[in-house]
Amino acid sequence: MKKAVIVLPTYNERKNISKVIQRVFSISEGLKNWLIYILVVDSNSPDGTANEVEMLQKKYKNLSLLKTEKEGLGKAYIRGFSLALEKINPYVLFEMDSDLSHDPNDIPKFLKKIEEGADFVVGSRYIPGGSIPQDWGIHRKVFSILGNWIVRLGFMKLSVTEWTNGYRAMKSWIIKKHLQDMKGYTGYVFQVALLDNAIKSGAKLEEIPVKFTDRVEGSSKINSVEYIYQTIKYVFLNSSFIKFAIVGGIGFIIDFGISYLLIETLMIIIWLSTMISAEAAIISNFFLNNQWSFKHKRLSRKESSLLWSFVKFNLIASGSLLIQTVGMTLTTNIFGITYWYIYKVLLIVSIIIPYSYFFYNKLVWKDK
């Protein structure tokens, strides 16, 4: 039988924790191929949460307790995962809230996806069958939906509908590979960072619908404003798309500068100037993207491999070159040459950057 460890971080969850533990172990009795363990990571709760768990340990042999200082959700998961890998060495690790907001009845659905080949399974509130509480206040709904969309748009991973929910199952190799990388994320942004790193390492991702239920006992520990700030910060520093846009900005400066020199100073015709300046930007973009934007899937340094990738890059970029050339020729013929630089900016921002990011990801810097 394969082992799965459900890590439950707690802080002042005395009124909830026993119900969660009992329901999880009750459901685990119906799992034929899995041996379920629970590891509670209690952050020095003053309400006696740890005492409640210690009492239940007399009944459940697969229940463990790790007592820590209060250091944040991310830190609690890091400590819990580390201990689980050391003492139990499971095939699968779960993240799950300890306040009954996550339904233990969904556990078999997570494991079924793992058995079917998924490496990382996320419980999504935003696909058919999933939901957030209808009685949430408008501010909670806004923060939940906004936080999720910040990540989806920032990473340009619209196919991943859920980045911020903490109900997940993942194969232990993901945690073994990224545990050291996660140590800098002590708060709730840990959820975003872990999923981002898993996707970048080539993990096969699946989603299942989950209904998020608001807690009945106790109070939420999340600071919404701080969470949104940390999420924006993480996305800005780690998004390949944002880095790609910055590289595109550098390419634009090169492109614009050379265009200006050729058109305004040397009086070279528009179409030829556009071709020369665009190709200079393409060369710059290739090397900057390979070393920075897509460093997690950096191209091989073998001369033949890098050369072939550069050829593909140029073939794709020829599409943007064609778009620019045709677009600039049409706009200047229709509206005149006076405001050519405005037409160029509009073409690059609205068409060239999205087009390039999509095809470079699909054909040059492919997912692992």
Protein backbone atom coordinates (compact mmCIF):
# COMPACT_ATOMS: atom_id res chain seq x y z
CA MET A 1 0.00 0.00 0.00
CA LYS A 2 1.16 3.52 -0.77
CA LYS A 3 1.48 6.04 2.02
CA ALA A 4 -0.11 9.49 2.06
CA VAL A 5 0.47 12.07 4.78
CA ILE A 6 -2.04 14.86 5.39
CA VAL A 7 -0.30 17.82 7.00
CA LEU A 8 -2.61 19.98 9.14
CA PRO A 9 -1.16 23.29 10.36
CA THR A 10 -3.00 24.55 13.45
CA TYR A 11 -3.21 27.64 15.59
CA ASN A 12 -6.09 27.83 18.06
CA GLU A 13 -8.11 25.08 16.40
CA ARG A 14 -9.05 23.07 19.51
CA LYS A 15 -12.76 23.15 18.63
CA ASN A 16 -12.17 21.91 15.07
CA ILE A 17 -9.15 19.62 15.05
CA SER A 18 -10.73 16.52 16.60
CA LYS A 19 -13.60 16.61 14.07
CA VAL A 20 -11.18 16.89 11.16
CA ILE A 21 -8.98 14.04 12.39
CA GLN A 22 -11.89 11.71 13.06
CA ARG A 23 -13.47 12.37 9.67
CA VAL A 24 -10.20 11.86 7.80
CA PHE A 25 -9.47 8.53 9.46
CA SER A 26 -13.08 7.43 8.97
CA ILE A 27 -12.82 8.10 5.24
CA SER A 28 -9.39 6.44 5.06
CA GLU A 29 -10.94 3.12 6.07
CA GLY A 30 -12.55 2.92 2.64
CA LEU A 31 -9.28 3.44 0.76
CA LYS A 32 -7.98 0.04 -0.34
CA ASN A 33 -4.65 1.09 -1.85
CA TRP A 34 -3.63 3.84 0.54
CA LEU A 35 -2.36 4.06 4.09
CA ILE A 36 -3.29 7.48 5.47
CA TYR A 37 -1.28 9.36 8.08
CA ILE A 38 -2.05 12.71 9.68
CA LEU A 39 0.64 15.07 10.90
CA VAL A 40 -0.60 18.04 12.92
CA VAL A 41 1.84 20.96 13.04
CA ASP A 42 0.72 23.10 15.96
CA SER A 43 2.18 26.58 16.29
CA ASN A 44 2.15 26.80 20.08
CA SER A 45 -1.63 27.32 20.28
CA PRO A 46 -2.65 28.83 23.63
CA ASP A 47 -6.13 27.24 23.43
CA GLY A 48 -4.87 23.68 24.00
CA THR A 49 -5.03 22.39 20.41
CA ALA A 50 -1.93 20.24 20.99
CA ASN A 51 -3.50 18.66 24.08
CA GLU A 52 -6.54 17.70 22.01
CA VAL A 53 -4.31 16.01 19.44
CA GLU A 54 -2.32 14.17 22.11
CA MET A 55 -5.53 12.69 23.47
CA LEU A 56 -6.48 11.46 19.99
CA GLN A 57 -3.06 9.87 19.50
CA LYS A 58 -4.13 7.21 21.99
CA LYS A 59 -6.84 6.17 19.54
CA TYR A 60 -5.09 6.66 16.18
CA LYS A 61 -1.63 5.15 15.71
CA ASN A 62 -1.10 7.02 12.41
CA LEU A 63 -1.58 10.43 14.04
CA SER A 64 1.54 12.49 14.76
CA LEU A 65 2.05 15.88 16.38
CA LEU A 66 4.82 18.40 15.78
CA LYS A 67 4.96 21.38 18.12
CA THR A 68 6.58 24.54 16.76
CA GLU A 69 6.69 28.26 17.35
CA LYS A 70 4.22 30.50 15.52
CA GLU A 71 6.16 31.33 12.33
CA GLY A 72 3.51 31.46 9.62
CA LEU A 73 1.64 28.98 7.42
CA GLY A 74 4.49 28.40 4.99
CA LYS A 75 6.95 27.64 7.75
CA ALA A 76 4.50 25.21 9.35
CA TYR A 77 4.15 23.30 6.08
CA ILE A 78 7.91 23.24 5.53
CA ARG A 79 8.48 21.77 8.99
CA GLY A 80 5.64 19.30 8.52
CA PHE A 81 6.78 18.14 5.10
CA SER A 82 10.36 17.75 6.31
CA LEU A 83 9.32 15.56 9.23
CA ALA A 84 6.93 13.50 7.09
CA LEU A 85 9.64 12.79 4.53
CA GLU A 86 12.12 11.87 7.24
CA LYS A 87 9.91 9.65 9.38
CA ILE A 88 7.26 8.25 7.01
CA ASN A 89 8.61 8.75 3.46
CA PRO A 90 5.17 8.92 1.81
CA TYR A 91 4.33 8.70 -1.87
CA VAL A 92 1.89 11.61 -1.53
CA LEU A 93 1.71 14.68 0.69
CA PHE A 94 -1.46 16.68 1.32
CA GLU A 95 -2.08 20.27 2.28
CA MET A 96 -5.36 20.75 4.10
CA ASP A 97 -6.94 23.29 6.43
CA SER A 98 -7.75 22.19 9.96
CA ASP A 99 -10.98 24.18 10.38
CA LEU A 100 -13.35 22.00 8.28
CA SER A 101 -13.36 24.49 5.41
CA HIS A 102 -11.98 21.62 3.29
CA ASP A 103 -14.21 18.57 3.01
CA PRO A 104 -12.36 15.33 3.91
CA ASN A 105 -14.75 13.47 1.58
CA ASP A 106 -12.72 14.90 -1.32
CA ILE A 107 -9.58 12.98 -0.30
CA PRO A 108 -10.40 9.90 -2.46
CA LYS A 109 -10.89 12.20 -5.47
CA PHE A 110 -7.41 13.66 -5.01
CA LEU A 111 -5.88 10.19 -4.74
CA LYS A 112 -7.75 8.97 -7.81
CA LYS A 113 -6.14 11.73 -9.87
CA ILE A 114 -2.74 10.75 -8.48
CA GLU A 115 -3.38 7.12 -9.44
CA GLU A 116 -4.29 8.28 -12.95
CA GLY A 117 -0.91 9.95 -13.38
CA ALA A 118 -1.14 13.45 -11.92
CA ASP A 119 1.84 14.76 -9.95
CA PHE A 120 0.06 17.69 -8.33
CA VAL A 121 -3.70 17.91 -7.72
CA VAL A 122 -5.33 21.19 -6.72
CA GLY A 123 -8.79 21.58 -5.25
CA SER A 124 -10.34 24.38 -7.29
CA ARG A 125 -13.21 26.59 -6.20
CA TYR A 126 -13.43 28.12 -9.67
CA ILE A 127 -14.31 25.22 -11.95
CA PRO A 128 -17.78 23.68 -12.41
CA GLY A 129 -18.71 21.90 -9.19
CA GLY A 130 -16.51 24.09 -7.00
CA SER A 131 -17.60 27.13 -5.01
CA ILE A 132 -16.87 29.74 -2.37
CA PRO A 133 -19.38 30.49 0.42
CA GLN A 134 -22.37 32.51 -0.78
CA ASP A 135 -22.58 34.33 2.56
CA TRP A 136 -19.05 35.71 2.35
CA GLY A 137 -18.91 39.49 2.55
CA ILE A 138 -18.02 41.37 -0.62
CA HIS A 139 -14.51 42.14 0.67
CA ARG A 140 -13.70 38.44 1.20
CA LYS A 141 -14.99 37.52 -2.24
CA VAL A 142 -13.01 40.35 -3.84
CA PHE A 143 -9.78 39.38 -2.05
CA SER A 144 -10.20 35.70 -2.90
CA ILE A 145 -11.01 36.23 -6.57
CA LEU A 146 -8.58 39.14 -7.00
CA GLY A 147 -5.66 37.25 -5.44
CA ASN A 148 -6.27 34.31 -7.74
CA TRP A 149 -6.54 36.45 -10.88
CA ILE A 150 -3.39 38.40 -10.02
CA VAL A 151 -1.47 35.13 -10.22
CA ARG A 152 -3.27 33.76 -13.27
CA LEU A 153 -2.67 36.91 -15.30
CA GLY A 154 0.78 37.59 -13.87
CA PHE A 155 2.03 34.14 -14.85
CA MET A 156 -0.14 33.98 -17.99
CA LYS A 157 -1.30 30.54 -16.84
CA LEU A 158 -5.01 30.98 -17.44
CA SER A 159 -5.53 27.21 -17.70
CA VAL A 160 -4.73 26.93 -13.97
CA THR A 161 -7.90 28.20 -12.32
CA GLU A 162 -6.84 27.90 -8.67
CA TRP A 163 -3.57 29.21 -7.22
CA THR A 164 -4.49 30.20 -3.68
CA ASN A 165 -6.59 27.40 -2.20
CA GLY A 166 -4.71 25.28 0.33
CA TYR A 167 -6.38 21.94 -0.39
CA ARG A 168 -3.89 19.95 -2.46
CA ALA A 169 -2.18 16.62 -2.97
CA MET A 170 1.25 16.19 -4.51
CA LYS A 171 3.79 13.47 -5.08
CA SER A 172 6.62 13.68 -2.59
CA TRP A 173 9.29 14.16 -5.29
CA ILE A 174 7.99 17.69 -5.78
CA ILE A 175 8.56 18.56 -2.13
CA LYS A 176 11.96 16.84 -2.07
CA LYS A 177 13.02 18.89 -5.08
CA HIS A 178 11.73 22.27 -3.89
CA LEU A 179 11.85 22.15 -0.09
CA GLN A 180 14.95 24.33 0.08
CA ASP A 181 13.46 26.80 -2.42
CA MET A 182 10.36 27.21 -0.24
CA LYS A 183 12.11 28.20 2.97
CA GLY A 184 11.91 31.90 2.18
CA TYR A 185 8.11 31.86 2.04
CA THR A 186 6.74 31.76 5.55
CA GLY A 187 3.22 33.13 5.00
CA TYR A 188 0.26 32.31 2.78
CA VAL A 189 2.19 33.16 -0.40
CA PHE A 190 3.83 29.77 0.17
CA GLN A 191 0.83 28.28 -1.66
CA VAL A 192 1.53 30.30 -4.81
CA ALA A 193 5.29 29.68 -4.67
CA LEU A 194 4.95 25.91 -4.31
CA LEU A 195 2.55 25.55 -7.23
CA ASP A 196 4.68 27.86 -9.38
CA ASN A 197 7.81 25.82 -8.70
CA ALA A 198 5.99 22.55 -9.32
CA ILE A 199 4.74 23.74 -12.72
CA LYS A 200 8.18 25.03 -13.69
CA SER A 201 9.71 21.65 -12.82
CA GLY A 202 7.34 19.88 -15.21
CA ALA A 203 4.83 18.42 -12.75
CA LYS A 204 1.61 17.20 -14.36
CA LEU A 205 -1.15 19.33 -12.87
CA GLU A 206 -4.80 18.37 -12.43
CA GLU A 207 -7.70 20.14 -10.74
CA ILE A 208 -10.77 18.77 -8.99
CA PRO A 209 -13.79 20.85 -7.92
CA VAL A 210 -14.08 21.58 -4.20
CA LYS A 211 -16.69 23.49 -2.23
CA PHE A 212 -15.01 25.79 0.26
CA THR A 213 -17.03 25.97 3.49
CA ASP A 214 -16.60 28.84 5.91
CA ARG A 215 -15.40 27.87 9.37
CA VAL A 216 -17.98 27.54 12.16
CA GLU A 217 -15.57 27.71 15.09
CA GLY A 218 -12.60 30.05 15.58
CA SER A 219 -11.39 32.83 13.32
CA SER A 220 -9.38 33.10 10.11
CA LYS A 221 -5.65 33.84 10.49
CA ILE A 222 -5.08 35.46 7.09
CA ASN A 223 -4.27 39.15 6.73
CA SER A 224 -5.89 39.91 3.37
CA VAL A 225 -4.02 43.12 2.58
CA GLU A 226 -0.62 41.63 3.46
CA TYR A 227 -1.47 38.52 1.46
CA ILE A 228 -2.35 40.49 -1.68
CA TYR A 229 0.86 42.52 -1.33
CA GLN A 230 3.03 39.41 -0.93
CA THR A 231 1.28 37.75 -3.86
CA ILE A 232 1.88 40.72 -6.16
CA LYS A 233 5.50 40.86 -5.03
CA TYR A 234 6.05 37.15 -5.68
CA VAL A 235 4.45 37.29 -9.12
CA PHE A 236 6.46 40.37 -10.12
CA LEU A 237 9.76 38.78 -9.09
CA ASN A 238 9.09 35.29 -10.47
CA SER A 239 6.79 35.56 -13.48
CA SER A 240 8.37 34.55 -16.77
CA PHE A 241 5.76 36.66 -18.54
CA ILE A 242 6.68 39.82 -16.64
CA LYS A 243 10.37 39.17 -17.25
CA PHE A 244 9.54 38.56 -20.89
CA ALA A 245 7.72 41.90 -21.01
CA ILE A 246 10.73 43.65 -19.48
CA VAL A 247 13.02 42.03 -22.04
CA GLY A 248 10.52 43.12 -24.66
CA GLY A 249 10.83 46.66 -23.30
CA ILE A 250 14.60 46.49 -23.72
CA GLY A 251 14.09 45.14 -27.22
CA PHE A 252 11.67 47.98 -27.89
CA ILE A 253 14.28 50.56 -26.88
CA ILE A 254 16.78 48.92 -29.23
CA ASP A 255 14.18 48.65 -31.98
CA PHE A 256 12.90 52.21 -31.50
CA GLY A 257 16.40 53.69 -31.21
CA ILE A 258 17.67 52.08 -34.38
CA SER A 259 14.44 52.96 -36.22
CA TYR A 260 14.77 56.57 -35.16
CA LEU A 261 18.40 56.68 -36.28
CA LEU A 262 17.69 55.10 -39.66
CA ILE A 263 14.47 56.99 -40.41
CA GLU A 264 15.07 60.44 -38.93
CA THR A 265 18.85 60.78 -39.31
CA LEU A 266 19.84 58.58 -42.25
CA MET A 267 16.51 58.98 -44.09
CA ILE A 268 16.29 55.29 -44.97
CA ILE A 269 12.88 54.11 -46.18
CA ILE A 270 10.37 52.85 -43.60
CA TRP A 271 10.18 49.18 -44.57
CA LEU A 272 13.94 48.63 -44.63
CA SER A 273 14.50 50.57 -41.40
CA THR A 274 11.80 48.52 -39.69
CA MET A 275 13.35 45.22 -40.80
CA ILE A 276 16.84 46.18 -39.59
CA SER A 277 15.72 47.53 -36.21
CA ALA A 278 13.37 44.62 -35.55
CA GLU A 279 16.08 42.02 -36.26
CA ALA A 280 18.47 43.77 -33.86
CA ALA A 281 15.80 43.59 -31.16
CA ILE A 282 15.13 39.92 -31.95
CA ILE A 283 18.79 38.98 -31.37
CA SER A 284 18.85 40.86 -28.06
CA ASN A 285 15.57 39.29 -26.93
CA PHE A 286 16.72 35.75 -27.67
CA PHE A 287 19.76 35.87 -25.42
CA LEU A 288 18.10 37.83 -22.60
CA ASN A 289 15.07 35.53 -22.54
CA ASN A 290 17.25 32.43 -22.51
CA GLN A 291 19.38 33.68 -19.61
CA TRP A 292 16.63 35.34 -17.55
CA SER A 293 12.95 35.07 -18.52
CA PHE A 294 13.02 31.32 -19.15
CA LYS A 295 16.03 30.33 -17.07
CA HIS A 296 14.07 27.44 -15.50
CA LYS A 297 13.98 25.84 -18.96
CA ARG A 298 17.16 27.36 -20.36
CA LEU A 299 18.26 26.01 -23.71
CA SER A 300 21.20 23.66 -23.98
CA ARG A 301 24.56 25.32 -24.47
CA LYS A 302 25.54 22.76 -27.07
CA GLU A 303 26.40 24.76 -30.16
CA SER A 304 24.11 22.83 -32.52
CA SER A 305 21.16 22.87 -30.12
CA LEU A 306 21.47 26.57 -29.32
CA LEU A 307 21.88 27.42 -33.00
CA TRP A 308 18.78 25.46 -33.98
CA SER A 309 16.79 27.14 -31.21
CA PHE A 310 17.97 30.51 -32.44
CA VAL A 311 16.84 29.60 -35.95
CA LYS A 312 13.39 28.64 -34.62
CA PHE A 313 13.31 31.84 -32.60
CA ASN A 314 14.02 33.85 -35.73
CA LEU A 315 11.43 31.96 -37.76
CA ILE A 316 8.79 32.75 -35.15
CA ALA A 317 10.07 36.29 -34.85
CA SER A 318 9.73 36.67 -38.60
CA GLY A 319 6.00 36.67 -37.94
CA SER A 320 6.37 39.68 -35.66
CA LEU A 321 8.68 41.26 -38.21
CA LEU A 322 6.06 40.74 -40.91
CA ILE A 323 3.33 42.13 -38.66
CA GLN A 324 5.43 45.21 -37.93
CA THR A 325 6.44 45.76 -41.54
CA VAL A 326 2.92 45.38 -42.92
CA GLY A 327 1.40 47.27 -40.00
CA MET A 328 3.81 50.19 -40.24
CA THR A 329 3.46 50.39 -44.01
CA LEU A 330 -0.34 50.38 -43.85
CA THR A 331 -0.64 52.87 -41.00
CA THR A 332 1.84 55.34 -42.47
CA ASN A 333 0.22 55.10 -45.90
CA ILE A 334 -3.22 55.71 -44.40
CA PHE A 335 -2.45 58.21 -41.64
CA GLY A 336 0.87 59.65 -42.78
CA ILE A 337 4.42 59.34 -41.45
CA THR A 338 4.24 62.10 -38.82
CA TYR A 339 3.16 59.84 -35.95
CA TRP A 340 4.90 56.64 -37.04
CA TYR A 341 6.29 56.04 -33.54
CA ILE A 342 2.78 55.90 -32.04
CA TYR A 343 1.74 53.26 -34.56
CA LYS A 344 4.86 51.27 -33.69
CA VAL A 345 4.13 51.34 -29.95
CA LEU A 346 0.54 50.22 -30.47
CA LEU A 347 1.60 47.35 -32.74
CA ILE A 348 4.23 46.07 -30.29
CA VAL A 349 2.08 46.27 -27.15
CA SER A 350 -1.20 44.97 -28.56
CA ILE A 351 0.02 42.30 -30.98
CA ILE A 352 3.75 41.57 -30.97
CA ILE A 353 4.29 40.84 -27.25
CA PRO A 354 1.30 38.44 -26.81
CA TYR A 355 2.05 36.71 -30.13
CA SER A 356 5.73 36.25 -29.29
CA TYR A 357 5.19 35.01 -25.72
CA PHE A 358 2.72 32.36 -26.85
CA PHE A 359 4.80 30.90 -29.67
CA TYR A 360 8.17 31.10 -27.91
CA ASN A 361 6.70 29.10 -25.03
CA LYS A 362 5.21 26.53 -27.36
CA LEU A 363 8.09 26.05 -29.78
CA VAL A 364 11.39 27.36 -28.35
CA TRP A 365 11.28 27.25 -24.53
CA LYS A 366 8.95 24.29 -24.24
CA ASP A 367 7.65 23.07 -20.90
CA LYS A 368 9.64 20.16 -19.56
